[in-house]
Amino acid sequence: MQASEVEEIIKQQIEKVEVKVQSDGSHYQVIAIGDVFSGLSPVKKQQLIYGCLNKHIMDGTIHAVIIKTYTPEEWL
């Protein structure tokens, strides 16, 4: 799966989020920026992203993922 495909999967499920994904095959690093993360605990932020990708993690398409989430204010 291409990094751009992972970006689209997340963007389709979480509104108004900017997503940047880097990949070396089955390992991905996701950076997500959006107001949706405001007020959420670090665990809840990661759960939002994992929820989008869970199907692909379970079937082995995505082997490992590192997730970093930010509000727009945190990103600046």
C-alpha atoms as a PDB file:
ATOM      1  CA  MET A   1       0.000   0.000   0.000  1.00  0.00           C
ATOM      2  CA  GLN A   2       1.327   3.411  -0.973  1.00  0.00           C
ATOM      3  CA  ALA A   3       1.681   6.244   1.537  1.00  0.00           C
ATOM      4  CA  SER A   4      -0.808   8.282  -0.500  1.00  0.00           C
ATOM      5  CA  GLU A   5      -3.408   5.520  -0.094  1.00  0.00           C
ATOM      6  CA  VAL A   6      -2.995   5.604   3.688  1.00  0.00           C
ATOM      7  CA  GLU A   7      -3.429   9.381   3.603  1.00  0.00           C
ATOM      8  CA  GLU A   8      -6.669   9.040   1.659  1.00  0.00           C
ATOM      9  CA  ILE A   9      -8.048   6.357   3.984  1.00  0.00           C
ATOM     10  CA  ILE A  10      -7.571   8.663   6.969  1.00  0.00           C
ATOM     11  CA  LYS A  11      -8.888  11.767   5.166  1.00  0.00           C
ATOM     12  CA  GLN A  12     -12.040   9.903   4.115  1.00  0.00           C
ATOM     13  CA  GLN A  13     -12.844   8.977   7.716  1.00  0.00           C
ATOM     14  CA  ILE A  14     -11.751  12.089   9.624  1.00  0.00           C
ATOM     15  CA  GLU A  15     -13.011  15.442   8.390  1.00  0.00           C
ATOM     16  CA  LYS A  16     -10.770  18.497   8.117  1.00  0.00           C
ATOM     17  CA  VAL A  17      -7.505  16.762   8.910  1.00  0.00           C
ATOM     18  CA  GLU A  18      -4.192  17.253   7.157  1.00  0.00           C
ATOM     19  CA  VAL A  19      -2.284  13.993   6.845  1.00  0.00           C
ATOM     20  CA  LYS A  20       1.311  13.290   5.896  1.00  0.00           C
ATOM     21  CA  VAL A  21       2.474   9.698   5.576  1.00  0.00           C
ATOM     22  CA  GLN A  22       5.913   8.266   4.953  1.00  0.00           C
ATOM     23  CA  SER A  23       6.422   4.593   4.184  1.00  0.00           C
ATOM     24  CA  ASP A  24       9.131   2.042   3.573  1.00  0.00           C
ATOM     25  CA  GLY A  25       6.727  -0.673   2.438  1.00  0.00           C
ATOM     26  CA  SER A  26       4.654  -2.048   5.289  1.00  0.00           C
ATOM     27  CA  HIS A  27       5.897   0.370   7.973  1.00  0.00           C
ATOM     28  CA  TYR A  28       4.291   3.811   8.061  1.00  0.00           C
ATOM     29  CA  GLN A  29       4.772   7.081   9.891  1.00  0.00           C
ATOM     30  CA  VAL A  30       1.602   9.164  10.078  1.00  0.00           C
ATOM     31  CA  ILE A  31       1.505  12.836  11.006  1.00  0.00           C
ATOM     32  CA  ALA A  32      -2.036  14.138  11.380  1.00  0.00           C
ATOM     33  CA  ILE A  33      -2.981  17.749  12.057  1.00  0.00           C
ATOM     34  CA  GLY A  34      -6.492  18.909  12.825  1.00  0.00           C
ATOM     35  CA  ASP A  35      -8.867  20.542  15.274  1.00  0.00           C
ATOM     36  CA  VAL A  36     -10.393  17.111  15.809  1.00  0.00           C
ATOM     37  CA  PHE A  37      -7.530  16.373  18.217  1.00  0.00           C
ATOM     38  CA  SER A  38      -8.274  19.335  20.504  1.00  0.00           C
ATOM     39  CA  GLY A  39      -9.003  18.260  24.061  1.00  0.00           C
ATOM     40  CA  LEU A  40      -8.289  14.582  23.451  1.00  0.00           C
ATOM     41  CA  SER A  41      -5.809  12.534  25.446  1.00  0.00           C
ATOM     42  CA  PRO A  42      -2.797  11.179  23.556  1.00  0.00           C
ATOM     43  CA  VAL A  43      -4.368   7.710  23.616  1.00  0.00           C
ATOM     44  CA  LYS A  44      -7.676   8.954  22.161  1.00  0.00           C
ATOM     45  CA  LYS A  45      -5.810  10.807  19.408  1.00  0.00           C
ATOM     46  CA  GLN A  46      -3.996   7.631  18.393  1.00  0.00           C
ATOM     47  CA  GLN A  47      -7.188   5.592  18.611  1.00  0.00           C
ATOM     48  CA  LEU A  48      -8.795   7.889  16.027  1.00  0.00           C
ATOM     49  CA  ILE A  49      -6.050   7.105  13.538  1.00  0.00           C
ATOM     50  CA  TYR A  50      -5.851   3.404  14.398  1.00  0.00           C
ATOM     51  CA  GLY A  51      -9.608   3.177  13.881  1.00  0.00           C
ATOM     52  CA  CYS A  52      -9.158   4.311  10.296  1.00  0.00           C
ATOM     53  CA  LEU A  53      -6.367   1.830   9.614  1.00  0.00           C
ATOM     54  CA  ASN A  54      -7.427  -1.157  11.720  1.00  0.00           C
ATOM     55  CA  LYS A  55      -8.729  -3.226   8.793  1.00  0.00           C
ATOM     56  CA  HIS A  56      -5.376  -2.907   7.023  1.00  0.00           C
ATOM     57  CA  ILE A  57      -3.421  -3.639  10.200  1.00  0.00           C
ATOM     58  CA  MET A  58      -5.493  -6.760  10.848  1.00  0.00           C
ATOM     59  CA  ASP A  59      -5.011  -8.118   7.314  1.00  0.00           C
ATOM     60  CA  GLY A  60      -1.244  -7.462   7.445  1.00  0.00           C
ATOM     61  CA  THR A  61      -1.141  -4.791   4.738  1.00  0.00           C
ATOM     62  CA  ILE A  62       0.135  -2.377   7.367  1.00  0.00           C
ATOM     63  CA  HIS A  63       2.662  -4.065   9.609  1.00  0.00           C
ATOM     64  CA  ALA A  64       3.637  -1.146  11.832  1.00  0.00           C
ATOM     65  CA  VAL A  65       2.574   2.458  12.217  1.00  0.00           C
ATOM     66  CA  ILE A  66       3.971   5.375  14.163  1.00  0.00           C
ATOM     67  CA  ILE A  67       1.390   8.075  14.776  1.00  0.00           C
ATOM     68  CA  LYS A  68       1.973  11.696  15.694  1.00  0.00           C
ATOM     69  CA  THR A  69      -1.051  13.948  16.079  1.00  0.00           C
ATOM     70  CA  TYR A  70      -1.257  17.700  16.496  1.00  0.00           C
ATOM     71  CA  THR A  71      -3.816  20.448  16.700  1.00  0.00           C
ATOM     72  CA  PRO A  72      -3.104  23.296  14.261  1.00  0.00           C
ATOM     73  CA  GLU A  73      -1.824  25.380  17.201  1.00  0.00           C
ATOM     74  CA  GLU A  74       0.558  22.616  18.294  1.00  0.00           C
ATOM     75  CA  TRP A  75       1.853  22.208  14.730  1.00  0.00           C
ATOM     76  CA  LEU A  76       2.951  25.848  14.473  1.00  0.00           C
END
